[in-house]
Amino acid sequence: MSSRSKKPCRKMGCPNLAEYPNKYCKDHSAEEERDRADRNRFYDRYTRNDEDSKQFTDFYNSTRWKKARSMRLQIDNGLCQVCKGRGLITIADTVHHIVEVKEDWEKRLEMENLVSLCRACHNEIHKNK
């Protein structure tokens, strides 16, 4: 059982509560999956796979990037460096480019330009951009 509080189901008019981390109650959990799939399709169509992004998509799918990402995570012991600086131990699941790939293509694989982050810290960085 979750120690976090339950929240109202996102289905309009549903009086049930959803267990953390779900957004929908058990009766409407299929809608959560459908909504996620719809968001992913939209992102793929209009952001990830547009012609301007093809170069970046190819890069992030490349062996060179996967090796660099793995090396950065290994250097950082798989820990989020922002959380570590705050005295917290959090597993990193993202490798972030300090200088964005779109800003300087040449720095895309430089270890000094990469940092291991947890999803929350990565989202916080990009929220402010």
Protein backbone atom coordinates (compact mmCIF):
# COMPACT_ATOMS: atom_id res chain seq x y z
CA MET A 1 0.00 0.00 0.00
CA SER A 2 1.28 3.43 -0.91
CA SER A 3 2.26 5.86 1.82
CA ARG A 4 1.35 8.79 -0.40
CA SER A 5 -2.13 10.23 -0.39
CA LYS A 6 -4.64 9.34 -3.06
CA LYS A 7 -5.77 11.92 -5.58
CA PRO A 8 -9.01 12.32 -7.52
CA CYS A 9 -9.23 10.31 -10.74
CA ARG A 10 -8.60 12.49 -13.81
CA LYS A 11 -11.63 11.04 -15.61
CA MET A 12 -14.20 13.83 -15.76
CA GLY A 13 -16.98 13.16 -13.27
CA CYS A 14 -15.37 10.10 -11.67
CA PRO A 15 -15.70 10.18 -7.86
CA ASN A 16 -12.98 7.54 -7.28
CA LEU A 17 -9.45 8.11 -6.04
CA ALA A 18 -6.26 7.11 -7.83
CA GLU A 19 -3.37 5.40 -6.05
CA TYR A 20 0.02 7.11 -6.39
CA PRO A 21 1.67 7.27 -8.94
CA ASN A 22 -1.38 6.63 -11.15
CA LYS A 23 -3.46 9.51 -12.43
CA TYR A 24 -6.62 7.45 -12.95
CA CYS A 25 -8.52 5.07 -10.67
CA LYS A 26 -8.55 1.33 -11.36
CA ASP A 27 -11.78 1.68 -13.37
CA HIS A 28 -10.16 4.18 -15.75
CA SER A 29 -6.53 3.00 -15.82
CA ALA A 30 -6.85 2.01 -19.49
CA GLU A 31 -7.49 5.69 -20.27
CA GLU A 32 -4.18 6.59 -18.61
CA GLU A 33 -2.35 4.23 -20.98
CA ARG A 34 -4.30 5.56 -23.97
CA ASP A 35 -3.53 9.17 -22.97
CA ARG A 36 0.18 8.34 -22.62
CA ALA A 37 0.21 6.64 -26.03
CA ASP A 38 -1.55 9.66 -27.58
CA ARG A 39 1.00 12.05 -26.06
CA ASN A 40 3.87 9.90 -27.33
CA ARG A 41 2.38 9.74 -30.84
CA PHE A 42 1.92 13.53 -30.88
CA TYR A 43 5.49 14.06 -29.67
CA ASP A 44 6.85 11.63 -32.25
CA ARG A 45 4.94 13.27 -35.08
CA TYR A 46 5.51 16.93 -34.29
CA THR A 47 8.73 17.05 -32.29
CA ARG A 48 10.90 13.98 -32.42
CA ASN A 49 10.54 13.07 -36.09
CA ASP A 50 10.20 16.37 -37.91
CA GLU A 51 12.89 17.02 -40.54
CA ASP A 52 14.73 19.57 -38.39
CA SER A 53 15.07 17.03 -35.59
CA LYS A 54 16.18 14.07 -37.71
CA GLN A 55 19.88 14.82 -37.16
CA PHE A 56 19.35 14.91 -33.39
CA THR A 57 17.17 11.79 -33.38
CA ASP A 58 19.84 9.93 -35.34
CA PHE A 59 22.47 11.14 -32.89
CA TYR A 60 20.55 9.98 -29.80
CA ASN A 61 20.08 6.56 -31.42
CA SER A 62 23.77 6.27 -32.35
CA THR A 63 26.26 3.86 -30.83
CA ARG A 64 28.62 6.76 -30.11
CA TRP A 65 25.99 8.52 -27.97
CA LYS A 66 25.03 5.33 -26.15
CA LYS A 67 28.70 4.70 -25.29
CA ALA A 68 29.24 8.31 -24.14
CA ARG A 69 26.05 8.19 -22.06
CA SER A 70 27.08 4.92 -20.45
CA MET A 71 30.56 6.29 -19.71
CA ARG A 72 29.14 9.45 -18.08
CA LEU A 73 26.81 7.40 -15.90
CA GLN A 74 29.74 5.20 -14.91
CA ILE A 75 31.94 8.22 -14.08
CA ASP A 76 29.13 9.63 -11.91
CA ASN A 77 28.52 6.22 -10.29
CA GLY A 78 24.95 6.26 -11.62
CA LEU A 79 23.99 9.11 -9.28
CA CYS A 80 22.24 12.39 -10.00
CA GLN A 81 24.89 15.06 -9.61
CA VAL A 82 22.43 17.82 -8.68
CA CYS A 83 20.91 15.71 -5.90
CA LYS A 84 24.39 14.66 -4.78
CA GLY A 85 25.32 18.34 -4.45
CA ARG A 86 22.29 18.72 -2.16
CA GLY A 87 23.37 15.79 -0.01
CA LEU A 88 20.81 13.38 -1.49
CA ILE A 89 21.40 9.99 -3.07
CA THR A 90 19.26 9.61 -6.20
CA ILE A 91 19.77 7.24 -9.13
CA ALA A 92 20.42 9.05 -12.41
CA ASP A 93 18.35 7.96 -15.40
CA THR A 94 19.29 10.78 -17.77
CA VAL A 95 22.50 12.20 -19.15
CA HIS A 96 22.11 15.93 -19.79
CA HIS A 97 24.07 18.12 -22.19
CA ILE A 98 25.18 21.23 -20.28
CA VAL A 99 25.54 23.07 -23.59
CA GLU A 100 22.62 21.82 -25.68
CA VAL A 101 23.40 19.79 -28.80
CA LYS A 102 21.41 22.31 -30.85
CA GLU A 103 23.63 25.11 -29.53
CA ASP A 104 27.01 23.45 -30.15
CA TRP A 105 27.08 20.23 -32.15
CA GLU A 106 30.82 19.80 -31.56
CA LYS A 107 30.36 19.37 -27.78
CA ARG A 108 27.78 16.60 -28.08
CA LEU A 109 30.15 13.81 -26.98
CA GLU A 110 32.52 15.71 -24.67
CA MET A 111 32.47 14.24 -21.17
CA GLU A 112 32.90 17.72 -19.66
CA ASN A 113 29.62 18.73 -21.33
CA LEU A 114 27.65 15.80 -19.91
CA VAL A 115 26.17 15.34 -16.46
CA SER A 116 24.12 12.51 -14.94
CA LEU A 117 20.73 13.58 -13.60
CA CYS A 118 17.55 12.09 -12.23
CA ARG A 119 14.39 12.78 -14.20
CA ALA A 120 13.13 15.37 -11.69
CA CYS A 121 16.33 17.45 -11.87
CA HIS A 122 16.45 17.16 -15.66
CA ASN A 123 12.84 18.32 -15.93
CA GLU A 124 13.58 21.23 -13.59
CA ILE A 125 16.49 22.35 -15.77
CA HIS A 126 14.40 22.22 -18.95
CA LYS A 127 11.38 23.83 -17.29
CA ASN A 128 13.42 26.99 -16.93
CA LYS A 129 14.56 27.06 -20.56
